[in-house]
Amino acid sequence: MTEPTAIKISVEVASHKGEFFLVDASYLGNGRVSGIEIANEEKLIHPGMNVVSRPNGIPDQYPERPHLVHVPEKGGMPRDLEELAGIWIVSEPLKQLFEHMAAEAFAFVACDFSLADGSPGPQYYLGNVLRRIDALDETASRVRIKLDHNNQTGEDEKLYSLVGGASLVFNHDVLGDAHIFRQDHMGAPPICDRAMFDALSAANFSGVRLRDVADI
């Protein structure tokens, strides 16, 4: 991978604040972690893979139903949004909001959830944002652009990096009514619009972190 080829700086960053936000699970702080584990993790890993794949929307993606367990000595009960090895763990109320706002953007897989005493816990899901869109306005954004050589195609592919900070601006015409998406060529959490931000903020879900992409 080459060094960054450009850092574009917009003089209109302030005018784009409050438009789009990164969505991910917040840190608990003080070294604390959620006390949940995937009891049957090894059985969910497909041959040739090292980790459990994120939900992809294909029925029967996993050989068996994911089974979450609460391990009190590890940490507390899961919040509305947690993340394990890059996979979202989503509560029933948060899933309902996501599906109400943008059902077609998500894939969810229902889990069994056992409490420490073996009794069933509340319903949780493995979750993933499937929708990918290339809507970044490079001209108006401040973002590091790297080139990564694709050995299969023989061509250099553009990658956007948020390392060192960035200010992202997105093209509303390209996005249309997409309330949440992943930006193509960017290894970042999903991005939501103001409507999704307002809905998440009003519901006050635990564990949901929202960061304005105009000033990351």
N, C-alpha and C. Protein backbone atom coordinates (compact mmCIF):
# COMPACT_ATOMS: atom_id res chain seq x y z
N MET A 1 0.85 -1.20 0.00
CA MET A 1 0.00 0.00 0.00
C MET A 1 0.88 1.24 0.00
N THR A 2 0.55 2.20 -0.80
CA THR A 2 1.35 3.42 -0.89
C THR A 2 1.04 4.35 0.26
N GLU A 3 1.86 5.38 0.40
CA GLU A 3 1.57 6.43 1.36
C GLU A 3 0.39 7.26 0.86
N PRO A 4 -0.26 8.00 1.76
CA PRO A 4 -1.38 8.84 1.33
C PRO A 4 -0.98 9.76 0.20
N THR A 5 -1.83 9.87 -0.81
CA THR A 5 -1.51 10.68 -1.98
C THR A 5 -2.07 12.08 -1.89
N ALA A 6 -3.04 12.29 -0.99
CA ALA A 6 -3.63 13.62 -0.91
C ALA A 6 -4.38 13.80 0.38
N ILE A 7 -4.38 15.01 0.87
CA ILE A 7 -5.24 15.38 1.99
C ILE A 7 -5.97 16.64 1.57
N LYS A 8 -7.23 16.51 1.27
CA LYS A 8 -8.01 17.64 0.80
C LYS A 8 -8.62 18.37 1.99
N ILE A 9 -8.59 19.68 1.97
CA ILE A 9 -9.10 20.48 3.06
C ILE A 9 -10.24 21.36 2.57
N SER A 10 -11.37 21.25 3.23
CA SER A 10 -12.53 22.06 2.88
C SER A 10 -12.62 23.26 3.82
N VAL A 11 -12.94 24.42 3.28
CA VAL A 11 -13.11 25.61 4.11
C VAL A 11 -14.54 25.72 4.58
N GLU A 12 -15.39 24.74 4.24
CA GLU A 12 -16.79 24.79 4.59
C GLU A 12 -17.20 23.67 5.54
N VAL A 13 -16.23 23.22 6.36
CA VAL A 13 -16.52 22.10 7.26
C VAL A 13 -17.73 22.40 8.15
N ALA A 14 -17.75 23.60 8.73
CA ALA A 14 -18.82 23.94 9.67
C ALA A 14 -20.20 23.83 9.04
N SER A 15 -20.30 24.13 7.76
CA SER A 15 -21.61 24.11 7.10
C SER A 15 -22.14 22.70 6.93
N HIS A 16 -21.28 21.69 7.08
CA HIS A 16 -21.71 20.29 6.91
C HIS A 16 -21.86 19.55 8.23
N LYS A 17 -21.62 20.23 9.34
CA LYS A 17 -21.80 19.57 10.63
C LYS A 17 -23.28 19.26 10.85
N GLY A 18 -23.51 18.11 11.48
CA GLY A 18 -24.87 17.71 11.78
C GLY A 18 -25.60 17.03 10.65
N GLU A 19 -24.88 16.67 9.58
CA GLU A 19 -25.54 16.02 8.43
C GLU A 19 -25.42 14.49 8.49
N PHE A 20 -24.20 13.99 8.77
CA PHE A 20 -23.96 12.55 8.75
C PHE A 20 -23.09 12.16 9.95
N PHE A 21 -23.27 10.88 10.39
CA PHE A 21 -22.64 10.44 11.63
C PHE A 21 -22.17 8.99 11.51
N LEU A 22 -20.99 8.70 12.08
CA LEU A 22 -20.56 7.32 12.23
C LEU A 22 -21.38 6.67 13.33
N VAL A 23 -21.78 5.43 13.12
CA VAL A 23 -22.55 4.68 14.11
C VAL A 23 -21.75 3.45 14.53
N ASP A 24 -21.44 3.36 15.82
CA ASP A 24 -20.80 2.14 16.32
C ASP A 24 -21.08 2.00 17.81
N ALA A 25 -20.53 0.95 18.40
CA ALA A 25 -20.74 0.70 19.83
C ALA A 25 -19.76 1.54 20.64
N SER A 26 -20.24 2.16 21.69
CA SER A 26 -19.40 3.01 22.52
C SER A 26 -18.54 2.16 23.45
N TYR A 27 -17.42 2.76 23.88
CA TYR A 27 -16.55 2.10 24.84
C TYR A 27 -17.13 2.25 26.24
N LEU A 28 -16.95 1.23 27.05
CA LEU A 28 -17.44 1.29 28.42
C LEU A 28 -16.50 2.09 29.33
N GLY A 29 -15.24 2.15 28.98
CA GLY A 29 -14.27 2.92 29.75
C GLY A 29 -13.74 2.15 30.95
N ASN A 30 -12.61 2.62 31.48
CA ASN A 30 -11.97 2.02 32.65
C ASN A 30 -11.67 0.53 32.47
N GLY A 31 -11.41 0.15 31.21
CA GLY A 31 -11.05 -1.23 30.93
C GLY A 31 -12.21 -2.21 30.98
N ARG A 32 -13.42 -1.71 31.15
CA ARG A 32 -14.58 -2.60 31.24
C ARG A 32 -15.00 -3.09 29.86
N VAL A 33 -15.57 -4.27 29.81
CA VAL A 33 -16.10 -4.84 28.57
C VAL A 33 -17.45 -5.47 28.87
N SER A 34 -18.20 -5.72 27.83
CA SER A 34 -19.47 -6.41 27.99
C SER A 34 -19.22 -7.87 28.33
N GLY A 35 -20.05 -8.42 29.20
CA GLY A 35 -19.85 -9.80 29.62
C GLY A 35 -20.58 -10.82 28.77
N ILE A 36 -20.53 -10.66 27.46
CA ILE A 36 -21.19 -11.63 26.58
C ILE A 36 -20.15 -12.34 25.72
N GLU A 37 -20.45 -13.57 25.44
CA GLU A 37 -19.62 -14.39 24.56
C GLU A 37 -20.54 -15.18 23.64
N ILE A 38 -19.98 -15.63 22.52
CA ILE A 38 -20.72 -16.52 21.62
C ILE A 38 -20.31 -17.94 21.99
N ALA A 39 -21.22 -18.66 22.63
CA ALA A 39 -20.90 -19.99 23.17
C ALA A 39 -20.51 -20.97 22.06
N ASN A 40 -21.17 -20.88 20.93
CA ASN A 40 -20.90 -21.81 19.83
C ASN A 40 -20.13 -21.16 18.70
N GLU A 41 -19.22 -20.25 19.05
CA GLU A 41 -18.47 -19.49 18.05
C GLU A 41 -17.78 -20.39 17.03
N GLU A 42 -17.09 -21.42 17.50
CA GLU A 42 -16.32 -22.28 16.59
C GLU A 42 -17.22 -22.95 15.56
N LYS A 43 -18.45 -23.28 15.96
CA LYS A 43 -19.36 -23.95 15.04
C LYS A 43 -19.92 -22.99 13.98
N LEU A 44 -19.81 -21.68 14.24
CA LEU A 44 -20.34 -20.70 13.29
C LEU A 44 -19.31 -20.27 12.25
N ILE A 45 -18.06 -20.64 12.47
CA ILE A 45 -16.99 -20.25 11.55
C ILE A 45 -16.99 -21.19 10.36
N HIS A 46 -17.07 -20.62 9.18
CA HIS A 46 -17.08 -21.43 7.96
C HIS A 46 -15.68 -21.97 7.66
N PRO A 47 -15.60 -23.11 6.99
CA PRO A 47 -14.29 -23.69 6.64
C PRO A 47 -13.43 -22.67 5.87
N GLY A 48 -12.18 -22.61 6.25
CA GLY A 48 -11.26 -21.69 5.59
C GLY A 48 -11.23 -20.31 6.21
N MET A 49 -12.13 -20.05 7.16
CA MET A 49 -12.18 -18.74 7.82
C MET A 49 -11.63 -18.87 9.24
N ASN A 50 -11.20 -17.72 9.80
CA ASN A 50 -10.67 -17.71 11.16
C ASN A 50 -11.63 -17.10 12.17
N VAL A 51 -12.60 -16.36 11.67
CA VAL A 51 -13.56 -15.69 12.56
C VAL A 51 -14.97 -15.89 12.01
N VAL A 52 -15.94 -15.57 12.83
CA VAL A 52 -17.33 -15.64 12.42
C VAL A 52 -17.60 -14.49 11.44
N SER A 53 -18.20 -14.80 10.32
CA SER A 53 -18.53 -13.77 9.33
C SER A 53 -19.71 -12.94 9.79
N ARG A 54 -19.74 -11.68 9.39
CA ARG A 54 -20.89 -10.84 9.71
C ARG A 54 -22.11 -11.33 8.93
N PRO A 55 -23.30 -11.12 9.46
CA PRO A 55 -24.51 -11.52 8.72
C PRO A 55 -24.52 -10.93 7.32
N ASN A 56 -24.90 -11.77 6.34
CA ASN A 56 -24.89 -11.32 4.94
C ASN A 56 -26.27 -11.33 4.29
N GLY A 57 -27.29 -11.66 5.07
CA GLY A 57 -28.64 -11.66 4.52
C GLY A 57 -29.06 -12.95 3.86
N ILE A 58 -28.16 -13.91 3.75
CA ILE A 58 -28.49 -15.19 3.13
C ILE A 58 -29.11 -16.12 4.18
N PRO A 59 -30.27 -16.68 3.91
CA PRO A 59 -30.89 -17.60 4.88
C PRO A 59 -29.96 -18.77 5.20
N ASP A 60 -29.98 -19.21 6.45
CA ASP A 60 -29.15 -20.34 6.89
C ASP A 60 -27.66 -20.09 6.64
N GLN A 61 -27.24 -18.84 6.81
CA GLN A 61 -25.83 -18.51 6.63
C GLN A 61 -24.95 -19.30 7.58
N TYR A 62 -25.43 -19.46 8.81
CA TYR A 62 -24.65 -20.18 9.82
C TYR A 62 -25.15 -21.61 9.97
N PRO A 63 -24.25 -22.53 10.27
CA PRO A 63 -24.66 -23.94 10.42
C PRO A 63 -25.67 -24.15 11.53
N GLU A 64 -25.65 -23.29 12.55
CA GLU A 64 -26.62 -23.38 13.62
C GLU A 64 -26.90 -21.99 14.18
N ARG A 65 -27.93 -21.90 14.98
CA ARG A 65 -28.34 -20.61 15.54
C ARG A 65 -27.28 -20.09 16.51
N PRO A 66 -26.84 -18.83 16.36
CA PRO A 66 -25.86 -18.29 17.31
C PRO A 66 -26.39 -18.32 18.74
N HIS A 67 -25.51 -18.62 19.68
CA HIS A 67 -25.90 -18.74 21.09
C HIS A 67 -25.02 -17.82 21.93
N LEU A 68 -25.60 -16.74 22.43
CA LEU A 68 -24.91 -15.81 23.31
C LEU A 68 -25.07 -16.25 24.75
N VAL A 69 -24.04 -16.02 25.56
CA VAL A 69 -24.12 -16.31 26.99
C VAL A 69 -23.57 -15.12 27.76
N HIS A 70 -24.14 -14.87 28.93
CA HIS A 70 -23.62 -13.82 29.80
C HIS A 70 -22.65 -14.43 30.79
N VAL A 71 -21.45 -13.86 30.83
CA VAL A 71 -20.40 -14.31 31.74
C VAL A 71 -20.13 -13.17 32.72
N PRO A 72 -20.77 -13.19 33.90
CA PRO A 72 -20.67 -12.06 34.84
C PRO A 72 -19.25 -11.68 35.23
N GLU A 73 -18.38 -12.69 35.36
CA GLU A 73 -17.01 -12.38 35.76
C GLU A 73 -16.25 -11.62 34.67
N LYS A 74 -16.76 -11.67 33.47
CA LYS A 74 -16.14 -10.92 32.37
C LYS A 74 -16.67 -9.49 32.30
N GLY A 75 -17.97 -9.30 32.55
CA GLY A 75 -18.55 -7.96 32.47
C GLY A 75 -20.05 -7.99 32.67
N GLY A 76 -20.67 -6.83 32.45
CA GLY A 76 -22.10 -6.68 32.67
C GLY A 76 -22.95 -7.22 31.53
N MET A 77 -24.24 -7.06 31.69
CA MET A 77 -25.19 -7.47 30.65
C MET A 77 -25.00 -6.62 29.41
N PRO A 78 -25.29 -7.16 28.24
CA PRO A 78 -25.12 -6.39 27.01
C PRO A 78 -26.05 -5.20 26.95
N ARG A 79 -25.56 -4.12 26.34
CA ARG A 79 -26.37 -2.94 26.11
C ARG A 79 -27.17 -3.13 24.81
N ASP A 80 -27.84 -2.09 24.37
CA ASP A 80 -28.61 -2.20 23.13
C ASP A 80 -27.71 -2.46 21.93
N LEU A 81 -26.48 -1.95 21.98
CA LEU A 81 -25.53 -2.20 20.89
C LEU A 81 -24.18 -2.55 21.48
N GLU A 82 -23.69 -3.72 21.11
CA GLU A 82 -22.34 -4.16 21.45
C GLU A 82 -21.66 -4.61 20.16
N GLU A 83 -20.37 -4.87 20.27
CA GLU A 83 -19.65 -5.37 19.11
C GLU A 83 -18.69 -6.45 19.55
N LEU A 84 -18.76 -7.60 18.87
CA LEU A 84 -17.85 -8.71 19.13
C LEU A 84 -17.17 -9.08 17.82
N ALA A 85 -15.85 -8.92 17.78
CA ALA A 85 -15.07 -9.30 16.60
C ALA A 85 -15.65 -8.72 15.31
N GLY A 86 -16.05 -7.45 15.39
CA GLY A 86 -16.54 -6.77 14.20
C GLY A 86 -18.00 -7.01 13.88
N ILE A 87 -18.70 -7.79 14.72
CA ILE A 87 -20.12 -8.08 14.50
C ILE A 87 -20.96 -7.32 15.51
N TRP A 88 -21.97 -6.63 15.04
CA TRP A 88 -22.88 -5.95 15.95
C TRP A 88 -23.74 -6.96 16.69
N ILE A 89 -23.94 -6.72 17.99
CA ILE A 89 -24.91 -7.44 18.81
C ILE A 89 -26.01 -6.43 19.13
N VAL A 90 -27.22 -6.67 18.64
CA VAL A 90 -28.29 -5.66 18.64
C VAL A 90 -29.49 -6.15 19.43
N SER A 91 -30.01 -5.29 20.30
CA SER A 91 -31.20 -5.63 21.08
C SER A 91 -32.45 -5.59 20.21
N GLU A 92 -33.52 -6.18 20.70
CA GLU A 92 -34.79 -6.17 19.97
C GLU A 92 -35.30 -4.75 19.71
N PRO A 93 -35.32 -3.85 20.72
CA PRO A 93 -35.81 -2.49 20.45
C PRO A 93 -34.97 -1.74 19.41
N LEU A 94 -33.65 -1.90 19.46
CA LEU A 94 -32.80 -1.21 18.48
C LEU A 94 -33.00 -1.79 17.09
N LYS A 95 -33.14 -3.11 17.01
CA LYS A 95 -33.41 -3.75 15.71
C LYS A 95 -34.70 -3.21 15.12
N GLN A 96 -35.73 -3.06 15.94
CA GLN A 96 -37.01 -2.56 15.44
C GLN A 96 -36.87 -1.15 14.88
N LEU A 97 -36.09 -0.30 15.54
CA LEU A 97 -35.89 1.05 15.02
C LEU A 97 -35.12 1.00 13.70
N PHE A 98 -34.05 0.22 13.66
CA PHE A 98 -33.27 0.11 12.42
C PHE A 98 -34.16 -0.35 11.26
N GLU A 99 -34.98 -1.35 11.51
CA GLU A 99 -35.83 -1.88 10.44
C GLU A 99 -36.93 -0.89 10.06
N HIS A 100 -37.41 -0.13 11.02
CA HIS A 100 -38.41 0.88 10.71
C HIS A 100 -37.83 1.96 9.81
N MET A 101 -36.58 2.33 10.05
CA MET A 101 -35.94 3.40 9.30
C MET A 101 -35.37 2.93 7.96
N ALA A 102 -34.81 1.71 7.93
CA ALA A 102 -34.10 1.28 6.72
C ALA A 102 -33.93 -0.23 6.70
N ALA A 103 -35.04 -0.94 6.66
CA ALA A 103 -34.99 -2.41 6.74
C ALA A 103 -34.11 -3.02 5.67
N GLU A 104 -34.14 -2.45 4.47
CA GLU A 104 -33.40 -3.04 3.35
C GLU A 104 -31.89 -2.89 3.50
N ALA A 105 -31.43 -2.06 4.43
CA ALA A 105 -30.00 -1.82 4.59
C ALA A 105 -29.33 -2.84 5.51
N PHE A 106 -30.11 -3.63 6.23
CA PHE A 106 -29.58 -4.47 7.30
C PHE A 106 -29.73 -5.96 7.03
N ALA A 107 -28.91 -6.72 7.75
CA ALA A 107 -29.10 -8.17 7.88
C ALA A 107 -29.02 -8.49 9.37
N PHE A 108 -29.99 -9.24 9.86
CA PHE A 108 -30.03 -9.64 11.27
C PHE A 108 -30.20 -11.16 11.36
N VAL A 109 -29.57 -11.73 12.37
CA VAL A 109 -29.73 -13.16 12.65
C VAL A 109 -30.08 -13.30 14.13
N ALA A 110 -31.22 -13.90 14.43
CA ALA A 110 -31.67 -14.06 15.80
C ALA A 110 -30.74 -15.00 16.57
N CYS A 111 -30.50 -14.68 17.84
CA CYS A 111 -29.64 -15.49 18.69
C CYS A 111 -30.42 -16.07 19.86
N ASP A 112 -29.98 -17.21 20.35
CA ASP A 112 -30.36 -17.65 21.68
C ASP A 112 -29.47 -16.89 22.66
N PHE A 113 -29.97 -16.59 23.84
CA PHE A 113 -29.19 -15.87 24.83
C PHE A 113 -29.47 -16.46 26.20
N SER A 114 -28.41 -16.99 26.81
CA SER A 114 -28.54 -17.62 28.14
C SER A 114 -27.89 -16.73 29.19
N LEU A 115 -28.60 -16.54 30.30
CA LEU A 115 -28.04 -15.83 31.44
C LEU A 115 -27.09 -16.75 32.20
N ALA A 116 -26.41 -16.20 33.18
CA ALA A 116 -25.40 -16.98 33.90
C ALA A 116 -25.97 -18.21 34.57
N ASP A 117 -27.24 -18.13 34.98
CA ASP A 117 -27.86 -19.28 35.65
C ASP A 117 -28.49 -20.26 34.68
N GLY A 118 -28.30 -20.00 33.40
CA GLY A 118 -28.84 -20.90 32.38
C GLY A 118 -30.22 -20.54 31.88
N SER A 119 -30.88 -19.60 32.52
CA SER A 119 -32.21 -19.19 32.07
C SER A 119 -32.10 -18.30 30.83
N PRO A 120 -33.16 -18.25 30.02
CA PRO A 120 -33.10 -17.44 28.79
C PRO A 120 -33.10 -15.95 29.09
N GLY A 121 -32.28 -15.22 28.35
CA GLY A 121 -32.21 -13.77 28.48
C GLY A 121 -33.03 -13.10 27.40
N PRO A 122 -32.99 -11.76 27.33
CA PRO A 122 -33.74 -11.02 26.31
C PRO A 122 -33.23 -11.33 24.91
N GLN A 123 -34.06 -11.03 23.93
CA GLN A 123 -33.73 -11.33 22.54
C GLN A 123 -32.65 -10.38 22.01
N TYR A 124 -31.62 -10.97 21.43
CA TYR A 124 -30.57 -10.21 20.75
C TYR A 124 -30.33 -10.80 19.37
N TYR A 125 -29.66 -10.01 18.53
CA TYR A 125 -29.40 -10.41 17.15
C TYR A 125 -27.96 -10.09 16.78
N LEU A 126 -27.38 -10.92 15.91
CA LEU A 126 -26.17 -10.50 15.20
C LEU A 126 -26.64 -9.56 14.10
N GLY A 127 -25.98 -8.42 13.93
CA GLY A 127 -26.44 -7.45 12.95
C GLY A 127 -25.32 -6.94 12.07
N ASN A 128 -25.69 -6.45 10.90
CA ASN A 128 -24.72 -5.91 9.95
C ASN A 128 -25.42 -4.95 9.00
N VAL A 129 -24.73 -3.88 8.63
CA VAL A 129 -25.22 -2.96 7.61
C VAL A 129 -24.66 -3.43 6.26
N LEU A 130 -25.54 -3.86 5.38
CA LEU A 130 -25.14 -4.40 4.08
C LEU A 130 -25.00 -3.33 3.01
N ARG A 131 -25.81 -2.30 3.10
CA ARG A 131 -25.84 -1.31 2.03
C ARG A 131 -24.50 -0.59 1.90
N ARG A 132 -23.93 -0.61 0.69
CA ARG A 132 -22.67 0.09 0.40
C ARG A 132 -22.93 1.07 -0.73
N ILE A 133 -22.46 2.30 -0.55
CA ILE A 133 -22.66 3.34 -1.54
C ILE A 133 -21.37 4.16 -1.66
N ASP A 134 -21.02 4.56 -2.85
CA ASP A 134 -19.89 5.46 -3.05
C ASP A 134 -20.46 6.86 -3.21
N ALA A 135 -20.62 7.55 -2.09
CA ALA A 135 -21.27 8.86 -2.10
C ALA A 135 -20.35 9.97 -1.60
N LEU A 136 -19.09 9.65 -1.33
CA LEU A 136 -18.18 10.65 -0.78
C LEU A 136 -17.90 11.76 -1.80
N ASP A 137 -18.02 12.99 -1.37
CA ASP A 137 -17.67 14.16 -2.18
C ASP A 137 -16.21 14.48 -1.87
N GLU A 138 -15.30 13.98 -2.70
CA GLU A 138 -13.88 14.17 -2.44
C GLU A 138 -13.48 15.64 -2.44
N THR A 139 -14.07 16.41 -3.32
CA THR A 139 -13.70 17.81 -3.44
C THR A 139 -13.97 18.59 -2.16
N ALA A 140 -15.08 18.28 -1.52
CA ALA A 140 -15.48 19.01 -0.32
C ALA A 140 -14.96 18.37 0.96
N SER A 141 -14.41 17.16 0.86
CA SER A 141 -13.98 16.42 2.05
C SER A 141 -12.50 16.62 2.33
N ARG A 142 -12.13 16.39 3.57
CA ARG A 142 -10.72 16.28 3.96
C ARG A 142 -10.52 14.84 4.39
N VAL A 143 -9.78 14.08 3.60
CA VAL A 143 -9.62 12.66 3.85
C VAL A 143 -8.33 12.17 3.20
N ARG A 144 -7.66 11.26 3.85
CA ARG A 144 -6.44 10.68 3.28
C ARG A 144 -6.82 9.64 2.23
N ILE A 145 -6.21 9.73 1.08
CA ILE A 145 -6.49 8.80 -0.01
C ILE A 145 -5.24 7.96 -0.26
N LYS A 146 -5.40 6.65 -0.14
CA LYS A 146 -4.29 5.72 -0.36
C LYS A 146 -4.57 4.88 -1.60
N LEU A 147 -3.52 4.33 -2.16
CA LEU A 147 -3.66 3.42 -3.28
C LEU A 147 -3.18 2.04 -2.87
N ASP A 148 -4.01 1.05 -3.09
CA ASP A 148 -3.70 -0.33 -2.73
C ASP A 148 -3.70 -1.15 -4.01
N HIS A 149 -2.60 -1.85 -4.27
CA HIS A 149 -2.50 -2.61 -5.52
C HIS A 149 -3.29 -3.91 -5.42
N ASN A 150 -4.19 -4.12 -6.36
CA ASN A 150 -4.97 -5.34 -6.45
C ASN A 150 -4.24 -6.32 -7.36
N ASN A 151 -3.72 -7.38 -6.77
CA ASN A 151 -2.93 -8.34 -7.55
C ASN A 151 -3.77 -9.11 -8.55
N GLN A 152 -5.07 -9.19 -8.31
CA GLN A 152 -5.93 -9.93 -9.24
C GLN A 152 -6.21 -9.12 -10.50
N THR A 153 -6.49 -7.84 -10.33
CA THR A 153 -6.80 -7.00 -11.49
C THR A 153 -5.56 -6.32 -12.06
N GLY A 154 -4.50 -6.24 -11.24
CA GLY A 154 -3.30 -5.55 -11.69
C GLY A 154 -3.41 -4.04 -11.62
N GLU A 155 -4.48 -3.54 -11.00
CA GLU A 155 -4.71 -2.10 -10.92
C GLU A 155 -4.62 -1.62 -9.48
N ASP A 156 -4.32 -0.33 -9.34
CA ASP A 156 -4.32 0.30 -8.03
C ASP A 156 -5.74 0.74 -7.69
N GLU A 157 -6.17 0.42 -6.46
CA GLU A 157 -7.51 0.79 -6.02
C GLU A 157 -7.43 1.88 -4.96
N LYS A 158 -8.33 2.81 -5.06
CA LYS A 158 -8.38 3.93 -4.13
C LYS A 158 -9.01 3.50 -2.81
N LEU A 159 -8.37 3.88 -1.71
CA LEU A 159 -8.89 3.62 -0.38
C LEU A 159 -8.90 4.92 0.41
N TYR A 160 -9.96 5.13 1.20
CA TYR A 160 -10.06 6.31 2.04
C TYR A 160 -9.71 5.93 3.46
N SER A 161 -8.83 6.71 4.09
CA SER A 161 -8.40 6.43 5.45
C SER A 161 -8.80 7.58 6.38
N LEU A 162 -9.31 7.22 7.56
CA LEU A 162 -9.69 8.21 8.57
C LEU A 162 -8.59 8.40 9.60
N VAL A 163 -7.47 7.69 9.45
CA VAL A 163 -6.36 7.80 10.39
C VAL A 163 -5.84 9.23 10.39
N GLY A 164 -5.70 9.79 11.57
CA GLY A 164 -5.21 11.16 11.67
C GLY A 164 -6.30 12.21 11.59
N GLY A 165 -7.56 11.75 11.48
CA GLY A 165 -8.67 12.69 11.42
C GLY A 165 -9.14 12.92 10.00
N ALA A 166 -10.39 13.36 9.88
CA ALA A 166 -10.96 13.61 8.57
C ALA A 166 -12.20 14.47 8.71
N SER A 167 -12.65 14.99 7.60
CA SER A 167 -13.92 15.71 7.51
C SER A 167 -14.61 15.23 6.25
N LEU A 168 -15.71 14.51 6.42
CA LEU A 168 -16.36 13.85 5.29
C LEU A 168 -17.63 14.58 4.89
N VAL A 169 -17.79 14.75 3.58
CA VAL A 169 -18.99 15.35 3.01
C VAL A 169 -19.55 14.36 2.00
N PHE A 170 -20.87 14.14 2.02
CA PHE A 170 -21.49 13.16 1.14
C PHE A 170 -22.48 13.82 0.19
N ASN A 171 -22.62 13.21 -0.97
CA ASN A 171 -23.50 13.70 -2.02
C ASN A 171 -24.93 13.23 -1.76
N HIS A 172 -25.80 14.17 -1.43
CA HIS A 172 -27.19 13.82 -1.12
C HIS A 172 -27.90 13.22 -2.34
N ASP A 173 -27.56 13.67 -3.52
CA ASP A 173 -28.21 13.14 -4.72
C ASP A 173 -27.89 11.67 -4.93
N VAL A 174 -26.66 11.27 -4.59
CA VAL A 174 -26.27 9.87 -4.72
C VAL A 174 -26.95 9.02 -3.65
N LEU A 175 -27.06 9.55 -2.45
CA LEU A 175 -27.64 8.79 -1.34
C LEU A 175 -29.15 8.65 -1.43
N GLY A 176 -29.81 9.65 -1.97
CA GLY A 176 -31.27 9.58 -2.02
C GLY A 176 -31.85 9.52 -0.62
N ASP A 177 -32.70 8.53 -0.37
CA ASP A 177 -33.33 8.41 0.94
C ASP A 177 -32.66 7.35 1.81
N ALA A 178 -31.39 7.02 1.53
CA ALA A 178 -30.66 6.04 2.33
C ALA A 178 -30.31 6.64 3.68
N HIS A 179 -30.88 6.08 4.75
CA HIS A 179 -30.65 6.62 6.09
C HIS A 179 -29.38 6.07 6.74
N ILE A 180 -28.87 4.94 6.23
CA ILE A 180 -27.65 4.37 6.78
C ILE A 180 -26.96 3.56 5.69
N PHE A 181 -25.62 3.59 5.69
CA PHE A 181 -24.86 2.92 4.63
C PHE A 181 -23.41 2.79 5.05
N ARG A 182 -22.67 1.99 4.30
CA ARG A 182 -21.21 1.95 4.40
C ARG A 182 -20.63 2.63 3.17
N GLN A 183 -19.65 3.49 3.38
CA GLN A 183 -19.00 4.16 2.26
C GLN A 183 -18.03 3.19 1.58
N ASP A 184 -18.17 3.04 0.28
CA ASP A 184 -17.26 2.19 -0.49
C ASP A 184 -15.82 2.65 -0.32
N HIS A 185 -14.90 1.68 -0.30
CA HIS A 185 -13.46 1.95 -0.24
C HIS A 185 -13.04 2.62 1.06
N MET A 186 -13.82 2.44 2.12
CA MET A 186 -13.49 3.05 3.41
C MET A 186 -13.73 2.04 4.52
N GLY A 187 -12.68 1.69 5.26
CA GLY A 187 -12.83 0.76 6.37
C GLY A 187 -13.28 1.49 7.62
N ALA A 188 -14.53 1.87 7.67
CA ALA A 188 -15.07 2.66 8.77
C ALA A 188 -16.41 2.08 9.19
N PRO A 189 -16.90 2.46 10.38
CA PRO A 189 -18.24 2.03 10.79
C PRO A 189 -19.29 2.56 9.82
N PRO A 190 -20.51 2.02 9.89
CA PRO A 190 -21.60 2.55 9.06
C PRO A 190 -21.83 4.03 9.33
N ILE A 191 -22.44 4.69 8.37
CA ILE A 191 -22.71 6.12 8.44
C ILE A 191 -24.21 6.34 8.31
N CYS A 192 -24.77 7.16 9.19
CA CYS A 192 -26.20 7.44 9.12
C CYS A 192 -26.45 8.92 8.86
N ASP A 193 -27.65 9.22 8.39
CA ASP A 193 -28.01 10.60 8.12
C ASP A 193 -28.66 11.23 9.36
N ARG A 194 -29.11 12.48 9.21
CA ARG A 194 -29.66 13.21 10.35
C ARG A 194 -30.96 12.58 10.87
N ALA A 195 -31.75 12.04 9.96
CA ALA A 195 -33.01 11.43 10.38
C ALA A 195 -32.76 10.23 11.29
N MET A 196 -31.82 9.38 10.91
CA MET A 196 -31.47 8.24 11.75
C MET A 196 -30.84 8.70 13.05
N PHE A 197 -29.99 9.70 12.99
CA PHE A 197 -29.37 10.25 14.18
C PHE A 197 -30.43 10.74 15.18
N ASP A 198 -31.40 11.48 14.68
CA ASP A 198 -32.45 12.01 15.56
C ASP A 198 -33.25 10.89 16.19
N ALA A 199 -33.57 9.86 15.41
CA ALA A 199 -34.34 8.74 15.94
C ALA A 199 -33.56 7.98 17.01
N LEU A 200 -32.28 7.74 16.77
CA LEU A 200 -31.45 7.04 17.75
C LEU A 200 -31.27 7.87 19.01
N SER A 201 -31.06 9.17 18.83
CA SER A 201 -30.86 10.05 19.98
C SER A 201 -32.12 10.14 20.84
N ALA A 202 -33.26 10.23 20.19
CA ALA A 202 -34.53 10.34 20.93
C ALA A 202 -34.81 9.08 21.73
N ALA A 203 -34.44 7.92 21.18
CA ALA A 203 -34.70 6.65 21.87
C ALA A 203 -33.71 6.40 23.00
N ASN A 204 -32.56 7.08 22.95
CA ASN A 204 -31.57 6.99 24.03
C ASN A 204 -31.12 5.55 24.29
N PHE A 205 -30.78 4.85 23.21
CA PHE A 205 -30.32 3.48 23.35
C PHE A 205 -28.96 3.44 24.03
N SER A 206 -28.75 2.43 24.85
CA SER A 206 -27.46 2.28 25.51
C SER A 206 -26.44 1.65 24.56
N GLY A 207 -25.21 2.14 24.64
CA GLY A 207 -24.13 1.56 23.85
C GLY A 207 -23.98 2.12 22.45
N VAL A 208 -24.87 2.99 22.02
CA VAL A 208 -24.80 3.55 20.66
C VAL A 208 -23.96 4.82 20.68
N ARG A 209 -22.89 4.84 19.88
CA ARG A 209 -22.04 6.03 19.77
C ARG A 209 -22.24 6.66 18.40
N LEU A 210 -22.47 7.96 18.39
CA LEU A 210 -22.70 8.70 17.16
C LEU A 210 -21.67 9.82 17.06
N ARG A 211 -20.90 9.85 15.98
CA ARG A 211 -19.85 10.85 15.80
C ARG A 211 -20.03 11.58 14.48
N ASP A 212 -20.02 12.89 14.55
CA ASP A 212 -20.22 13.72 13.37
C ASP A 212 -19.03 13.54 12.42
N VAL A 213 -19.30 13.12 11.19
CA VAL A 213 -18.22 12.88 10.23
C VAL A 213 -17.61 14.16 9.68
N ALA A 214 -18.23 15.30 9.96
CA ALA A 214 -17.65 16.56 9.50
C ALA A 214 -16.38 16.91 10.27
N ASP A 215 -16.19 16.25 11.42
CA ASP A 215 -15.00 16.52 12.22
C ASP A 215 -14.67 15.30 13.04
N ILE A 216 -14.00 14.33 12.43
CA ILE A 216 -13.67 13.08 13.10
C ILE A 216 -12.29 13.18 13.74
